Every structure is written in C-alpha cells, then in structure tokens.
Protein backbone atom coordinates (compact mmCIF):
# COMPACT_ATOMS: atom_id res chain seq x y z
CA MET A 1 0.00 0.00 0.00
CA GLY A 2 1.45 3.32 -1.04
CA ARG A 3 1.94 6.26 1.28
CA ARG A 4 -1.12 8.49 1.55
CA SER A 5 -1.35 12.10 2.59
CA ASP A 6 -5.04 12.93 2.21
CA HIS A 7 -6.22 12.48 5.80
CA THR A 8 -6.68 14.97 8.59
CA ARG A 9 -5.03 14.43 11.97
CA ASP A 10 -8.30 13.19 13.45
CA GLN A 11 -8.78 10.77 10.57
CA LEU A 12 -5.23 9.54 10.95
CA ARG A 13 -5.76 9.01 14.67
CA GLU A 14 -8.86 6.95 14.00
CA MET A 15 -7.10 4.92 11.32
CA ILE A 16 -4.10 4.24 13.54
CA LEU A 17 -6.25 3.20 16.50
CA LYS A 18 -8.47 0.98 14.36
CA SER A 19 -5.47 -0.74 12.79
CA THR A 20 -3.72 -1.19 16.15
CA CYS A 21 -6.86 -2.64 17.74
CA GLN A 22 -7.18 -5.12 14.89
CA LEU A 23 -3.51 -6.13 15.10
CA ILE A 24 -3.90 -6.71 18.84
CA GLU A 25 -7.14 -8.60 18.26
CA ASP A 26 -5.40 -10.86 15.74
CA GLY A 27 -2.07 -11.44 17.44
CA GLY A 28 -1.89 -9.72 20.83
CA LEU A 29 0.93 -7.40 21.81
CA ARG A 30 3.68 -9.74 20.67
CA GLY A 31 5.37 -8.34 17.59
CA LEU A 32 3.35 -5.13 17.62
CA SER A 33 5.41 -2.18 16.44
CA ILE A 34 5.00 1.31 15.05
CA ARG A 35 6.50 0.13 11.76
CA LYS A 36 3.95 -2.68 11.47
CA ILE A 37 1.07 -0.33 12.21
CA ALA A 38 2.39 2.18 9.68
CA ALA A 39 2.55 -0.50 7.01
CA GLU A 40 -1.08 -1.42 7.72
CA ILE A 41 -2.35 2.11 7.11
CA GLY A 42 0.07 3.02 4.32
CA TYR A 43 1.93 5.78 6.13
CA THR A 44 5.43 6.14 7.49
CA SER A 45 6.35 5.54 11.10
CA GLY A 46 7.11 9.24 11.41
CA THR A 47 3.49 10.07 10.67
CA ILE A 48 2.33 7.94 13.59
CA TYR A 49 4.79 9.68 15.90
CA GLN A 50 3.17 12.98 14.90
CA VAL A 51 -0.12 11.70 16.33
CA PHE A 52 1.03 9.53 19.25
CA GLU A 53 4.03 10.10 21.48
CA ASN A 54 5.19 6.48 21.35
CA LEU A 55 3.95 2.89 21.13
CA ASP A 56 3.00 2.81 24.82
CA ASP A 57 0.84 5.90 24.37
CA LEU A 58 -0.87 4.27 21.39
CA ILE A 59 -1.45 0.99 23.21
CA VAL A 60 -3.02 2.77 26.18
CA GLU A 61 -5.45 4.50 23.82
CA THR A 62 -6.47 1.12 22.38
CA HIS A 63 -7.10 -0.03 25.94
CA VAL A 64 -9.49 2.91 26.37
CA LEU A 65 -11.41 1.73 23.31
CA THR A 66 -11.56 -1.81 24.70
CA LEU A 67 -12.95 -0.51 27.99
CA LYS A 68 -15.50 1.58 26.10
CA ASP A 69 -16.60 -1.50 24.16
CA LEU A 70 -16.96 -3.43 27.42
CA HIS A 71 -18.91 -0.53 28.89
CA ALA A 72 -21.32 -0.58 25.93
CA THR A 73 -21.77 -4.34 26.34
CA LEU A 74 -22.49 -4.10 30.07
CA ALA A 75 -25.02 -1.34 29.43
CA ASP A 76 -27.43 -4.01 28.14
CA VAL A 77 -27.36 -5.91 31.45
CA GLU A 78 -30.45 -5.42 33.58
CA ILE A 79 -29.55 -4.55 37.16
CA GLY A 80 -32.31 -5.34 39.64
CA ASP A 81 -32.77 -5.41 43.39
CA ASP A 82 -30.93 -8.70 44.01
CA PRO A 83 -27.17 -7.97 44.19
CA GLU A 84 -26.04 -11.55 43.56
CA THR A 85 -28.18 -11.96 40.45
CA SER A 86 -27.16 -8.56 39.08
CA LEU A 87 -23.47 -9.10 39.78
CA PHE A 88 -23.52 -12.55 38.22
CA GLU A 89 -25.11 -11.21 35.04
CA LEU A 90 -22.51 -8.43 34.88
CA ALA A 91 -19.68 -10.89 35.50
CA LYS A 92 -21.01 -13.40 32.98
CA THR A 93 -21.29 -10.68 30.34
CA CYS A 94 -17.75 -9.53 31.14
CA LEU A 95 -16.50 -13.10 30.78
CA GLN A 96 -18.26 -13.48 27.42
CA PHE A 97 -16.72 -10.22 26.21
CA ALA A 98 -13.25 -11.28 27.34
CA ASN A 99 -13.56 -14.67 25.64
CA ALA A 100 -14.72 -13.02 22.42
CA HIS A 101 -11.81 -10.55 22.50
CA GLN A 102 -9.14 -12.46 24.35
CA ASN A 103 -6.10 -10.66 22.97
CA ARG A 104 -7.57 -7.21 23.52
CA TRP A 105 -8.68 -8.15 27.05
CA ASN A 106 -5.30 -9.58 28.00
CA ALA A 107 -3.50 -6.61 26.46
CA VAL A 108 -5.34 -4.24 28.81
CA PHE A 109 -4.12 -6.04 31.90
CA PHE A 110 -0.75 -7.40 30.84
CA HIS A 111 0.66 -4.30 29.16
CA MET A 112 3.13 -2.57 31.46
CA LEU A 113 3.83 1.13 31.26
CA PRO A 114 7.42 2.31 31.73
CA GLU A 115 8.36 3.57 35.18
CA GLN A 116 7.26 7.10 36.02
CA ARG A 117 4.40 6.87 33.50
CA THR A 118 0.84 7.10 34.76
CA LEU A 119 -2.45 6.28 33.10
CA PRO A 120 -4.25 9.29 31.60
CA ASP A 121 -7.36 10.69 33.24
CA HIS A 122 -9.70 9.51 30.48
CA TYR A 123 -8.48 5.93 31.02
CA VAL A 124 -9.22 6.17 34.74
CA GLU A 125 -12.62 7.64 33.88
CA GLN A 126 -13.47 4.56 31.79
CA VAL A 127 -12.53 2.26 34.66
CA THR A 128 -14.69 4.35 37.01
CA GLN A 129 -17.65 4.01 34.65
CA LEU A 130 -17.21 0.25 34.65
CA LEU A 131 -17.03 0.15 38.44
CA ALA A 132 -20.28 2.11 38.55
CA TYR A 133 -22.14 -0.98 37.31
CA GLY A 134 -20.90 -2.93 40.32
CA VAL A 135 -21.79 -0.09 42.66
CA LYS A 136 -25.32 0.04 41.25
CA ALA A 137 -25.66 -3.73 41.71
CA ILE A 138 -24.65 -3.74 45.39
CA ASP A 139 -26.24 -0.41 46.37
CA PRO A 140 -29.35 -2.16 47.81
CA LEU A 141 -27.10 -3.44 50.60
CA PHE A 142 -26.01 0.03 51.68
CA SER A 143 -28.02 2.67 53.48
CA GLN A 144 -26.26 5.47 51.63
CA GLN A 145 -26.49 5.19 47.85
CA GLY A 146 -23.15 5.17 46.07
CA SER A 147 -21.27 5.29 49.37
CA ALA A 148 -17.51 5.02 49.67
CA GLU A 149 -17.96 1.51 51.07
CA ALA A 150 -19.96 0.48 48.00
CA TRP A 151 -17.24 1.80 45.68
CA LEU A 152 -14.54 -0.03 47.65
CA SER A 153 -16.51 -3.27 47.48
CA ALA A 154 -17.00 -2.83 43.74
CA ARG A 155 -13.25 -2.32 43.28
CA VAL A 156 -12.45 -5.45 45.27
CA LEU A 157 -14.95 -7.49 43.25
CA TRP A 158 -13.60 -6.10 39.97
CA SER A 159 -10.06 -7.06 40.95
CA SER A 160 -11.15 -10.56 41.93
CA LEU A 161 -13.20 -10.98 38.78
CA TYR A 162 -10.24 -9.88 36.68
CA GLY A 163 -8.19 -12.74 38.12
CA ILE A 164 -10.78 -15.37 37.25
CA VAL A 165 -11.47 -14.02 33.77
CA SER A 166 -7.78 -13.67 32.97
CA LEU A 167 -7.13 -17.26 34.06
CA GLU A 168 -9.93 -18.31 31.75
CA THR A 169 -8.74 -16.30 28.74
CA THR A 170 -5.17 -17.56 29.11
CA SER A 171 -6.29 -21.20 29.52
CA LYS A 172 -4.88 -21.38 33.04
CA LEU A 173 -7.97 -23.08 34.48
CA SER A 174 -7.97 -26.86 34.24
CA ARG A 175 -10.57 -28.63 32.13
CA GLU A 176 -12.50 -29.57 35.26
CA GLU A 177 -12.73 -25.96 36.41
CA GLU A 178 -15.36 -23.63 34.98
CA ALA A 179 -15.00 -19.88 35.26
CA ASP A 180 -18.72 -19.27 35.85
CA VAL A 181 -18.63 -21.63 38.85
CA PHE A 182 -15.67 -19.71 40.26
CA ILE A 183 -17.51 -16.43 39.70
CA ARG A 184 -20.69 -17.66 41.35
CA THR A 185 -18.72 -18.92 44.36
CA LEU A 186 -16.78 -15.67 44.63
CA LEU A 187 -19.95 -13.58 44.58
CA ARG A 188 -21.82 -15.77 47.04
CA ASN A 189 -19.00 -15.77 49.59
CA PHE A 190 -18.15 -12.10 49.14
CA LEU A 191 -21.75 -10.96 49.51
CA ALA A 192 -22.30 -13.21 52.54
CA GLY A 193 -19.30 -11.64 54.25
CA LEU A 194 -20.37 -8.14 53.22
CA LYS A 195 -23.90 -8.63 54.57
CA MET A 196 -22.49 -9.94 57.85
CA GLU A 197 -20.19 -6.93 58.15
CA LEU A 198 -22.95 -4.45 57.37
CA ALA A 199 -25.19 -6.12 59.96
CA GLN A 200 -22.76 -5.21 62.73
CA PRO A 201 -24.00 -2.25 64.82
CA ASP A 202 -20.77 -0.29 64.36
CA SER A 203 -20.22 -1.14 60.68
CA ALA A 204 -21.21 2.35 59.56
CA ASP A 205 -18.58 3.85 61.85
CA ALA A 206 -15.77 1.42 61.01
C-alpha cells in the first residue's frame, strides 16, 4: 500500500487506533510495532509519531477503546434489586466479552507502562464508569447510595473478577474448572461476608 497524505489528523488518529486494535485482536501485543502499524495504514512511522508520542501511548489509547466496548456491552445488562443476580449477570457478560476478544482483554491487563508513566485521566474515567455498574448492583445493601464503602466493594470485586477471567482467557484453568462456577462462588462468599459486616451495629462507623 502506497503512502497516503489525504487524511486529517483526526482521521489519521482513527485509522491508527483501528489498525492497532485489529492487530492486537489478531495477534496480541507480541510483535506489535510502530512500523507494522504504519505498514497497515500506508503511512510512514514518522506520521504515527506525529499523532502519538510512542507505542505505549498508542497501546493505552487502544485499551481505552476496549474498555469503552466493554462498557457498551455491560449497558445491556439489567440490574435489579438482588445484588447476587445482578453481579452474576454483569460478571457473565464480562467473561463473554473477554472470551470473544481475548487478545484485547489480556493486552489491557498485561501491558506494562514504563516507570514514572501514569495512566491518563480519560483511562481512569473509563474504569470508574465500569465500576459504577458494580456499585449500582450492590447499592441495595447500603443505606447510603453510592457510598464510599460500595465503591470499595466494587473495586475489590472487579479485581477478583479480573483474576478469574484472565485465568480463563489464558487457559490457566484446568478442564474440570469452569469460570462461571468460580464467579458464582466468589460472589456468594463475598456478599455473605459483606452482609455480615454491614449487619454489625458499628459497621457504619468502622
């Protein structure tokens, strides 16, 4: 493909991100390079560096798109008054998304930024929006809607869920072990402990 020069910066950004997402979808992060991405879109590596600071910057932006896609998928999940049912539906949908996009999912969690680099605010915002689904699901257990305790619980559950889903997508669970059983057990035990803690007279002051 010959070099093109008829795209605006915004169009180039979209092309680069789309191509990078597809390369990650097809083969993961292994072998991904600016030169390979440039060849896919028919531009030079220098053009990509005019839009993105470096490969890490570009990869992080693809992670944002993956999180947005997950967010859109979870938006279809009905969240009712039963926390366990709602959380299981959210977790099951997350697992289905991860299995359908294994390389993109694993890239989000296995990509390491260089030291002294932090994730951009809009990345953190996407994670917060995902956590909000968990908060909404467990809010019936808390007297104060969207409380700090609810957000902390949602973060803990998200971290635990990530471990199970990542084991599943990297084939680290044995054939006898099923991820949905692990998820159901995690939720049941976590919620039982949470309900017990909240039932304590001084739990609101802890």
